[in-house]
Amino acid sequence: MTTKTILATAAAIAAISTAVPANAAYTIPANQAVKNIVLVHGAFADGSGWRGVYDNLTKRGYRVTIVQNPLTSLEDDVAATKRALERQDGPAILVGHSWGGTVITEAGIDMKVAGLVYVSALSPDAGETSAQQYEGFAPATEFVIETTKDGFGYVSPEKFKAGFAHDASDNDVAFMRDSQVPINMSAFGTILENAAWRTKPSWAVIATEDKAFDQAMLFHMAERIKAKITKVSASHALLMTQPTVVADTIDEAAKTVSAQ
């Protein structure tokens, strides 16, 4: 090999190294037991909010499924999640954002669920409702919900950016605001029959600038379920604005339960 060839090869390697960011995701081991991830969105949204997390995890080699909750009742959302779990070819990590935490708490007793990840999410106990989790904590004054005549809730358009996604771009905020999926507000009063976190290992990602919940409430819930907690400076829309942190936590959960 000539000196000129060696120098050219070295330059090419350097260019490749520079192009790959230091925190680039690595492909998961072929023998890793848990390779399936199921993502459950929350209220006032749909599955598209998971796109950044989906892209990150699929690049690592995970098989990712995104549930589309109808948000018509807890029962309906749990059924949608169970349908997704039935399609998995092995054990899975079940992930929920916000209201999605209530859904994975009920649906997570499924035998295919190896672990749970709560992304600024609710985590009631069996015999409790989602609404009860707010008792004793400061109200989320910037997260304003407007209710329709038939009992479905939307986040106020005027308060959407401040309350839901202050760290997202104006274009993203506008799209999320105008594509909201309303939730049947009665769902927050539904009593859970099961609490998967009592038997499944749990992780929690908490957005420290989340305006949808009192911070004390988020930490209280995560600590009660004995979740391993990761904090990140972000809004309630952390699944969109901090997808790498969320994906890293999901990856950690999958690797941890695979090693057990």
C-alpha atoms as a PDB file:
ATOM      1  CA  MET A   1       0.000   0.000   0.000  1.00  0.00           C
ATOM      2  CA  THR A   2       1.420   3.349  -1.004  1.00  0.00           C
ATOM      3  CA  THR A   3       1.759   6.307   1.306  1.00  0.00           C
ATOM      4  CA  LYS A   4      -0.840   8.137  -0.764  1.00  0.00           C
ATOM      5  CA  THR A   5      -3.292   5.241  -0.344  1.00  0.00           C
ATOM      6  CA  ILE A   6      -2.680   5.048   3.404  1.00  0.00           C
ATOM      7  CA  LEU A   7      -3.312   8.759   3.793  1.00  0.00           C
ATOM      8  CA  ALA A   8      -6.513   8.537   1.742  1.00  0.00           C
ATOM      9  CA  THR A   9      -7.761   5.619   3.827  1.00  0.00           C
ATOM     10  CA  ALA A  10      -6.972   7.430   7.071  1.00  0.00           C
ATOM     11  CA  ALA A  11      -8.816  10.501   5.836  1.00  0.00           C
ATOM     12  CA  ALA A  12     -11.866   8.437   4.939  1.00  0.00           C
ATOM     13  CA  ILE A  13     -11.922   6.789   8.369  1.00  0.00           C
ATOM     14  CA  ALA A  14     -11.594  10.173  10.032  1.00  0.00           C
ATOM     15  CA  ALA A  15     -14.467  11.542   7.985  1.00  0.00           C
ATOM     16  CA  ILE A  16     -16.691   8.621   8.950  1.00  0.00           C
ATOM     17  CA  SER A  17     -15.769   8.995  12.615  1.00  0.00           C
ATOM     18  CA  THR A  18     -16.575  12.687  12.518  1.00  0.00           C
ATOM     19  CA  ALA A  19     -19.918  12.076  10.836  1.00  0.00           C
ATOM     20  CA  VAL A  20     -21.054   9.694  13.584  1.00  0.00           C
ATOM     21  CA  PRO A  21     -22.085  11.550  16.736  1.00  0.00           C
ATOM     22  CA  ALA A  22     -20.575  10.484  20.039  1.00  0.00           C
ATOM     23  CA  ASN A  23     -23.948   9.341  21.360  1.00  0.00           C
ATOM     24  CA  ALA A  24     -24.894   7.340  18.264  1.00  0.00           C
ATOM     25  CA  ALA A  25     -26.952   4.268  19.065  1.00  0.00           C
ATOM     26  CA  TYR A  26     -25.278   0.884  18.798  1.00  0.00           C
ATOM     27  CA  THR A  27     -26.985  -2.198  17.416  1.00  0.00           C
ATOM     28  CA  ILE A  28     -28.342  -4.481  20.117  1.00  0.00           C
ATOM     29  CA  PRO A  29     -26.692  -7.904  20.563  1.00  0.00           C
ATOM     30  CA  ALA A  30     -28.188 -10.705  18.528  1.00  0.00           C
ATOM     31  CA  ASN A  31     -28.669 -12.791  21.684  1.00  0.00           C
ATOM     32  CA  GLN A  32     -30.502 -10.094  23.640  1.00  0.00           C
ATOM     33  CA  ALA A  33     -33.710 -11.623  25.003  1.00  0.00           C
ATOM     34  CA  VAL A  34     -35.960  -8.553  24.739  1.00  0.00           C
ATOM     35  CA  LYS A  35     -36.068  -6.991  21.288  1.00  0.00           C
ATOM     36  CA  ASN A  36     -39.686  -5.828  21.149  1.00  0.00           C
ATOM     37  CA  ILE A  37     -40.887  -2.403  22.255  1.00  0.00           C
ATOM     38  CA  VAL A  38     -44.539  -1.324  22.431  1.00  0.00           C
ATOM     39  CA  LEU A  39     -45.205   2.422  22.718  1.00  0.00           C
ATOM     40  CA  VAL A  40     -48.493   3.789  24.104  1.00  0.00           C
ATOM     41  CA  HIS A  41     -49.341   7.479  23.647  1.00  0.00           C
ATOM     42  CA  GLY A  42     -51.304   9.649  26.036  1.00  0.00           C
ATOM     43  CA  ALA A  43     -54.358  11.884  25.896  1.00  0.00           C
ATOM     44  CA  PHE A  44     -54.805  14.730  23.390  1.00  0.00           C
ATOM     45  CA  ALA A  45     -52.330  13.055  21.021  1.00  0.00           C
ATOM     46  CA  ASP A  46     -51.726  10.049  18.802  1.00  0.00           C
ATOM     47  CA  GLY A  47     -48.886   7.673  18.047  1.00  0.00           C
ATOM     48  CA  SER A  48     -47.049  10.055  15.717  1.00  0.00           C
ATOM     49  CA  GLY A  49     -45.467  11.747  18.716  1.00  0.00           C
ATOM     50  CA  TRP A  50     -43.267   8.672  19.143  1.00  0.00           C
ATOM     51  CA  ARG A  51     -41.581   9.089  15.735  1.00  0.00           C
ATOM     52  CA  GLY A  52     -38.209  10.225  17.111  1.00  0.00           C
ATOM     53  CA  VAL A  53     -38.134   7.436  19.693  1.00  0.00           C
ATOM     54  CA  TYR A  54     -39.229   4.928  17.046  1.00  0.00           C
ATOM     55  CA  ASP A  55     -36.439   5.977  14.668  1.00  0.00           C
ATOM     56  CA  ASN A  56     -33.830   5.782  17.413  1.00  0.00           C
ATOM     57  CA  LEU A  57     -34.854   2.341  18.637  1.00  0.00           C
ATOM     58  CA  THR A  58     -35.321   0.750  15.215  1.00  0.00           C
ATOM     59  CA  LYS A  59     -31.802   1.867  14.275  1.00  0.00           C
ATOM     60  CA  ARG A  60     -30.556  -0.068  17.277  1.00  0.00           C
ATOM     61  CA  GLY A  61     -32.295  -3.180  16.010  1.00  0.00           C
ATOM     62  CA  TYR A  62     -35.474  -3.182  18.073  1.00  0.00           C
ATOM     63  CA  ARG A  63     -38.867  -4.148  16.687  1.00  0.00           C
ATOM     64  CA  VAL A  64     -41.100  -1.244  17.643  1.00  0.00           C
ATOM     65  CA  THR A  65     -44.906  -1.197  17.634  1.00  0.00           C
ATOM     66  CA  ILE A  66     -46.918   1.969  18.216  1.00  0.00           C
ATOM     67  CA  VAL A  67     -50.401   1.656  19.690  1.00  0.00           C
ATOM     68  CA  GLN A  68     -53.104   4.017  18.454  1.00  0.00           C
ATOM     69  CA  ASN A  69     -55.381   4.558  21.444  1.00  0.00           C
ATOM     70  CA  PRO A  70     -58.987   5.473  20.626  1.00  0.00           C
ATOM     71  CA  LEU A  71     -59.091   7.450  23.914  1.00  0.00           C
ATOM     72  CA  THR A  72     -62.766   6.583  24.278  1.00  0.00           C
ATOM     73  CA  SER A  73     -62.335   4.655  27.548  1.00  0.00           C
ATOM     74  CA  LEU A  74     -59.656   2.946  29.587  1.00  0.00           C
ATOM     75  CA  GLU A  75     -61.117  -0.399  28.519  1.00  0.00           C
ATOM     76  CA  ASP A  76     -60.817   0.509  24.831  1.00  0.00           C
ATOM     77  CA  ASP A  77     -57.232   1.751  25.196  1.00  0.00           C
ATOM     78  CA  VAL A  78     -56.205  -1.363  27.123  1.00  0.00           C
ATOM     79  CA  ALA A  79     -57.793  -3.515  24.421  1.00  0.00           C
ATOM     80  CA  ALA A  80     -55.819  -1.671  21.728  1.00  0.00           C
ATOM     81  CA  THR A  81     -52.619  -2.240  23.686  1.00  0.00           C
ATOM     82  CA  LYS A  82     -53.375  -5.923  24.218  1.00  0.00           C
ATOM     83  CA  ARG A  83     -53.919  -6.338  20.473  1.00  0.00           C
ATOM     84  CA  ALA A  84     -50.452  -4.914  19.894  1.00  0.00           C
ATOM     85  CA  LEU A  85     -48.931  -7.206  22.524  1.00  0.00           C
ATOM     86  CA  GLU A  86     -50.544 -10.248  20.907  1.00  0.00           C
ATOM     87  CA  ARG A  87     -48.603  -9.476  17.738  1.00  0.00           C
ATOM     88  CA  GLN A  88     -45.207  -9.551  19.443  1.00  0.00           C
ATOM     89  CA  ASP A  89     -42.987 -12.533  18.723  1.00  0.00           C
ATOM     90  CA  GLY A  90     -41.418 -12.509  22.175  1.00  0.00           C
ATOM     91  CA  PRO A  91     -41.071 -10.521  25.399  1.00  0.00           C
ATOM     92  CA  ALA A  92     -41.514  -6.758  25.181  1.00  0.00           C
ATOM     93  CA  ILE A  93     -40.930  -3.531  27.044  1.00  0.00           C
ATOM     94  CA  LEU A  94     -44.217  -1.651  27.379  1.00  0.00           C
ATOM     95  CA  VAL A  95     -43.908   2.141  27.394  1.00  0.00           C
ATOM     96  CA  GLY A  96     -46.535   4.759  28.237  1.00  0.00           C
ATOM     97  CA  HIS A  97     -46.594   8.549  28.076  1.00  0.00           C
ATOM     98  CA  SER A  98     -48.897  10.552  30.362  1.00  0.00           C
ATOM     99  CA  TRP A  99     -52.344   8.866  30.267  1.00  0.00           C
ATOM    100  CA  GLY A 100     -50.576   5.999  28.528  1.00  0.00           C
ATOM    101  CA  GLY A 101     -49.057   5.197  31.923  1.00  0.00           C
ATOM    102  CA  THR A 102     -52.489   4.269  33.224  1.00  0.00           C
ATOM    103  CA  VAL A 103     -53.021   2.106  30.149  1.00  0.00           C
ATOM    104  CA  ILE A 104     -49.747   0.184  30.553  1.00  0.00           C
ATOM    105  CA  THR A 105     -50.390  -0.229  34.273  1.00  0.00           C
ATOM    106  CA  GLU A 106     -53.592  -2.137  33.472  1.00  0.00           C
ATOM    107  CA  ALA A 107     -52.431  -3.885  30.282  1.00  0.00           C
ATOM    108  CA  GLY A 108     -48.914  -4.650  31.511  1.00  0.00           C
ATOM    109  CA  ILE A 109     -49.916  -7.793  33.370  1.00  0.00           C
ATOM    110  CA  ASP A 110     -49.766  -9.510  29.979  1.00  0.00           C
ATOM    111  CA  MET A 111     -47.244 -12.360  30.058  1.00  0.00           C
ATOM    112  CA  LYS A 112     -45.281 -10.879  27.167  1.00  0.00           C
ATOM    113  CA  VAL A 113     -44.488  -7.708  29.105  1.00  0.00           C
ATOM    114  CA  ALA A 114     -41.023  -7.937  30.659  1.00  0.00           C
ATOM    115  CA  GLY A 115     -40.785  -4.379  31.947  1.00  0.00           C
ATOM    116  CA  LEU A 116     -42.516  -1.016  32.047  1.00  0.00           C
ATOM    117  CA  VAL A 117     -41.305   2.483  31.186  1.00  0.00           C
ATOM    118  CA  TYR A 118     -43.305   5.505  32.352  1.00  0.00           C
ATOM    119  CA  VAL A 119     -42.603   8.702  30.391  1.00  0.00           C
ATOM    120  CA  SER A 120     -43.939  11.563  32.549  1.00  0.00           C
ATOM    121  CA  ALA A 121     -46.813   9.194  33.088  1.00  0.00           C
ATOM    122  CA  LEU A 122     -49.584   8.248  35.472  1.00  0.00           C
ATOM    123  CA  SER A 123     -49.201   5.030  37.469  1.00  0.00           C
ATOM    124  CA  PRO A 124     -52.289   4.286  39.590  1.00  0.00           C
ATOM    125  CA  ASP A 125     -52.562   1.238  41.806  1.00  0.00           C
ATOM    126  CA  ALA A 126     -55.239  -1.415  41.492  1.00  0.00           C
ATOM    127  CA  GLY A 127     -58.437  -0.064  43.031  1.00  0.00           C
ATOM    128  CA  GLU A 128     -57.468   3.537  42.214  1.00  0.00           C
ATOM    129  CA  THR A 129     -58.386   5.921  39.417  1.00  0.00           C
ATOM    130  CA  SER A 130     -56.150   8.204  37.412  1.00  0.00           C
ATOM    131  CA  ALA A 131     -57.962  11.218  38.842  1.00  0.00           C
ATOM    132  CA  GLN A 132     -56.991  10.193  42.380  1.00  0.00           C
ATOM    133  CA  GLN A 133     -53.309  10.622  41.539  1.00  0.00           C
ATOM    134  CA  TYR A 134     -53.770  14.401  41.433  1.00  0.00           C
ATOM    135  CA  GLU A 135     -55.182  14.637  44.953  1.00  0.00           C
ATOM    136  CA  GLY A 136     -52.994  16.554  47.373  1.00  0.00           C
ATOM    137  CA  PHE A 137     -50.802  18.100  44.671  1.00  0.00           C
ATOM    138  CA  ALA A 138     -50.713  21.572  43.151  1.00  0.00           C
ATOM    139  CA  PRO A 139     -52.994  22.079  40.141  1.00  0.00           C
ATOM    140  CA  ALA A 140     -51.442  22.326  36.689  1.00  0.00           C
ATOM    141  CA  THR A 141     -52.620  25.879  36.011  1.00  0.00           C
ATOM    142  CA  GLU A 142     -50.903  26.157  32.622  1.00  0.00           C
ATOM    143  CA  PHE A 143     -52.356  22.880  31.348  1.00  0.00           C
ATOM    144  CA  VAL A 144     -55.908  23.959  30.565  1.00  0.00           C
ATOM    145  CA  ILE A 145     -58.465  21.406  29.347  1.00  0.00           C
ATOM    146  CA  GLU A 146     -61.634  22.395  27.525  1.00  0.00           C
ATOM    147  CA  THR A 147     -64.473  19.869  27.639  1.00  0.00           C
ATOM    148  CA  THR A 148     -67.053  19.333  24.904  1.00  0.00           C
ATOM    149  CA  LYS A 149     -70.779  18.836  25.512  1.00  0.00           C
ATOM    150  CA  ASP A 150     -70.367  15.072  25.178  1.00  0.00           C
ATOM    151  CA  GLY A 151     -67.562  14.930  27.750  1.00  0.00           C
ATOM    152  CA  PHE A 152     -64.398  14.816  25.635  1.00  0.00           C
ATOM    153  CA  GLY A 153     -61.417  16.983  26.513  1.00  0.00           C
ATOM    154  CA  TYR A 154     -58.985  19.037  24.441  1.00  0.00           C
ATOM    155  CA  VAL A 155     -56.014  21.095  25.608  1.00  0.00           C
ATOM    156  CA  SER A 156     -56.877  24.770  25.182  1.00  0.00           C
ATOM    157  CA  PRO A 157     -55.390  26.013  21.867  1.00  0.00           C
ATOM    158  CA  GLU A 158     -54.326  29.264  23.516  1.00  0.00           C
ATOM    159  CA  LYS A 159     -52.501  27.407  26.308  1.00  0.00           C
ATOM    160  CA  PHE A 160     -51.187  24.489  24.255  1.00  0.00           C
ATOM    161  CA  LYS A 161     -47.593  25.664  23.820  1.00  0.00           C
ATOM    162  CA  ALA A 162     -47.141  26.792  27.417  1.00  0.00           C
ATOM    163  CA  GLY A 163     -48.868  23.784  28.924  1.00  0.00           C
ATOM    164  CA  PHE A 164     -47.893  20.945  26.610  1.00  0.00           C
ATOM    165  CA  ALA A 165     -44.796  21.670  24.540  1.00  0.00           C
ATOM    166  CA  HIS A 166     -42.996  24.927  25.291  1.00  0.00           C
ATOM    167  CA  ASP A 167     -39.675  23.457  24.107  1.00  0.00           C
ATOM    168  CA  ALA A 168     -40.986  22.340  20.692  1.00  0.00           C
ATOM    169  CA  SER A 169     -40.784  24.403  17.522  1.00  0.00           C
ATOM    170  CA  ASP A 170     -43.732  26.628  16.655  1.00  0.00           C
ATOM    171  CA  ASN A 171     -44.471  24.427  13.629  1.00  0.00           C
ATOM    172  CA  ASP A 172     -44.538  21.262  15.737  1.00  0.00           C
ATOM    173  CA  VAL A 173     -46.668  22.929  18.379  1.00  0.00           C
ATOM    174  CA  ALA A 174     -49.169  24.077  15.757  1.00  0.00           C
ATOM    175  CA  PHE A 175     -49.418  20.576  14.290  1.00  0.00           C
ATOM    176  CA  MET A 176     -49.881  18.915  17.693  1.00  0.00           C
ATOM    177  CA  ARG A 177     -52.429  21.530  18.729  1.00  0.00           C
ATOM    178  CA  ASP A 178     -54.481  21.159  15.566  1.00  0.00           C
ATOM    179  CA  SER A 179     -54.288  17.347  15.379  1.00  0.00           C
ATOM    180  CA  GLN A 180     -55.359  16.677  18.952  1.00  0.00           C
ATOM    181  CA  VAL A 181     -57.246  13.474  19.673  1.00  0.00           C
ATOM    182  CA  PRO A 182     -59.712  14.250  22.477  1.00  0.00           C
ATOM    183  CA  ILE A 183     -60.065  11.888  25.409  1.00  0.00           C
ATOM    184  CA  ASN A 184     -63.294  10.857  27.072  1.00  0.00           C
ATOM    185  CA  MET A 185     -62.785  12.608  30.406  1.00  0.00           C
ATOM    186  CA  SER A 186     -64.722   9.896  32.225  1.00  0.00           C
ATOM    187  CA  ALA A 187     -61.751   7.587  31.623  1.00  0.00           C
ATOM    188  CA  PHE A 188     -59.850   9.384  34.387  1.00  0.00           C
ATOM    189  CA  GLY A 189     -62.497   8.150  36.819  1.00  0.00           C
ATOM    190  CA  THR A 190     -62.210   4.476  35.859  1.00  0.00           C
ATOM    191  CA  ILE A 191     -60.972   2.204  38.656  1.00  0.00           C
ATOM    192  CA  LEU A 192     -58.048  -0.026  37.686  1.00  0.00           C
ATOM    193  CA  GLU A 193     -58.325  -3.754  38.240  1.00  0.00           C
ATOM    194  CA  ASN A 194     -54.582  -4.438  37.974  1.00  0.00           C
ATOM    195  CA  ALA A 195     -51.275  -2.698  38.625  1.00  0.00           C
ATOM    196  CA  ALA A 196     -48.555  -4.294  36.509  1.00  0.00           C
ATOM    197  CA  TRP A 197     -45.819  -2.333  38.264  1.00  0.00           C
ATOM    198  CA  ARG A 198     -46.367  -4.464  41.356  1.00  0.00           C
ATOM    199  CA  THR A 199     -44.893  -7.476  39.566  1.00  0.00           C
ATOM    200  CA  LYS A 200     -42.891  -5.967  36.677  1.00  0.00           C
ATOM    201  CA  PRO A 201     -39.676  -3.893  36.923  1.00  0.00           C
ATOM    202  CA  SER A 202     -40.267  -0.223  36.116  1.00  0.00           C
ATOM    203  CA  TRP A 203     -38.398   2.809  34.836  1.00  0.00           C
ATOM    204  CA  ALA A 204     -39.537   6.425  34.751  1.00  0.00           C
ATOM    205  CA  VAL A 205     -38.436   9.392  32.670  1.00  0.00           C
ATOM    206  CA  ILE A 206     -39.537  12.648  34.286  1.00  0.00           C
ATOM    207  CA  ALA A 207     -39.588  15.959  32.426  1.00  0.00           C
ATOM    208  CA  THR A 208     -38.507  18.584  34.951  1.00  0.00           C
ATOM    209  CA  GLU A 209     -40.363  21.357  33.096  1.00  0.00           C
ATOM    210  CA  ASP A 210     -43.586  19.380  32.658  1.00  0.00           C
ATOM    211  CA  LYS A 211     -46.583  21.686  33.108  1.00  0.00           C
ATOM    212  CA  ALA A 212     -49.209  18.945  32.864  1.00  0.00           C
ATOM    213  CA  PHE A 213     -48.385  17.639  36.347  1.00  0.00           C
ATOM    214  CA  ASP A 214     -47.046  18.986  39.607  1.00  0.00           C
ATOM    215  CA  GLN A 215     -43.401  17.852  39.785  1.00  0.00           C
ATOM    216  CA  ALA A 216     -43.995  16.492  43.280  1.00  0.00           C
ATOM    217  CA  MET A 217     -46.772  14.328  41.847  1.00  0.00           C
ATOM    218  CA  LEU A 218     -44.524  12.866  39.135  1.00  0.00           C
ATOM    219  CA  PHE A 219     -41.791  11.961  41.616  1.00  0.00           C
ATOM    220  CA  HIS A 220     -44.285  10.607  44.131  1.00  0.00           C
ATOM    221  CA  MET A 221     -45.752   8.243  41.543  1.00  0.00           C
ATOM    222  CA  ALA A 222     -42.360   7.085  40.271  1.00  0.00           C
ATOM    223  CA  GLU A 223     -40.996   6.522  43.752  1.00  0.00           C
ATOM    224  CA  ARG A 224     -44.105   4.630  44.861  1.00  0.00           C
ATOM    225  CA  ILE A 225     -43.698   2.094  42.058  1.00  0.00           C
ATOM    226  CA  LYS A 226     -39.957   1.860  42.810  1.00  0.00           C
ATOM    227  CA  ALA A 227     -39.037   2.899  39.280  1.00  0.00           C
ATOM    228  CA  LYS A 228     -35.501   3.757  38.300  1.00  0.00           C
ATOM    229  CA  ILE A 229     -35.828   7.483  37.598  1.00  0.00           C
ATOM    230  CA  THR A 230     -34.198   9.518  34.827  1.00  0.00           C
ATOM    231  CA  LYS A 231     -34.695  13.281  34.860  1.00  0.00           C
ATOM    232  CA  VAL A 232     -34.524  15.437  31.746  1.00  0.00           C
ATOM    233  CA  SER A 233     -35.059  19.145  31.179  1.00  0.00           C
ATOM    234  CA  ALA A 234     -38.125  19.079  28.933  1.00  0.00           C
ATOM    235  CA  SER A 235     -41.825  19.811  28.597  1.00  0.00           C
ATOM    236  CA  HIS A 236     -44.686  17.330  28.739  1.00  0.00           C
ATOM    237  CA  ALA A 237     -43.864  16.587  25.092  1.00  0.00           C
ATOM    238  CA  LEU A 238     -40.513  15.046  26.076  1.00  0.00           C
ATOM    239  CA  LEU A 239     -41.121  12.008  23.862  1.00  0.00           C
ATOM    240  CA  MET A 240     -40.810  14.439  20.913  1.00  0.00           C
ATOM    241  CA  THR A 241     -38.271  16.925  22.231  1.00  0.00           C
ATOM    242  CA  GLN A 242     -35.956  14.475  24.045  1.00  0.00           C
ATOM    243  CA  PRO A 243     -36.303  11.230  22.058  1.00  0.00           C
ATOM    244  CA  THR A 244     -32.726  10.104  22.707  1.00  0.00           C
ATOM    245  CA  VAL A 245     -33.109  10.251  26.486  1.00  0.00           C
ATOM    246  CA  VAL A 246     -36.400   8.363  26.279  1.00  0.00           C
ATOM    247  CA  ALA A 247     -34.955   5.778  23.878  1.00  0.00           C
ATOM    248  CA  ASP A 248     -31.873   5.319  26.067  1.00  0.00           C
ATOM    249  CA  THR A 249     -34.088   4.528  29.054  1.00  0.00           C
ATOM    250  CA  ILE A 250     -36.133   2.026  27.059  1.00  0.00           C
ATOM    251  CA  ASP A 251     -32.913   0.429  25.826  1.00  0.00           C
ATOM    252  CA  GLU A 252     -31.642   0.226  29.410  1.00  0.00           C
ATOM    253  CA  ALA A 253     -34.871  -1.453  30.488  1.00  0.00           C
ATOM    254  CA  ALA A 254     -34.649  -4.007  27.672  1.00  0.00           C
ATOM    255  CA  LYS A 255     -31.006  -4.805  28.442  1.00  0.00           C
ATOM    256  CA  THR A 256     -31.633  -5.057  32.188  1.00  0.00           C
ATOM    257  CA  VAL A 257     -34.551  -7.491  31.962  1.00  0.00           C
ATOM    258  CA  SER A 258     -32.695  -9.482  29.290  1.00  0.00           C
ATOM    259  CA  ALA A 259     -29.815 -10.014  31.710  1.00  0.00           C
ATOM    260  CA  GLN A 260     -32.041 -11.250  34.521  1.00  0.00           C
END
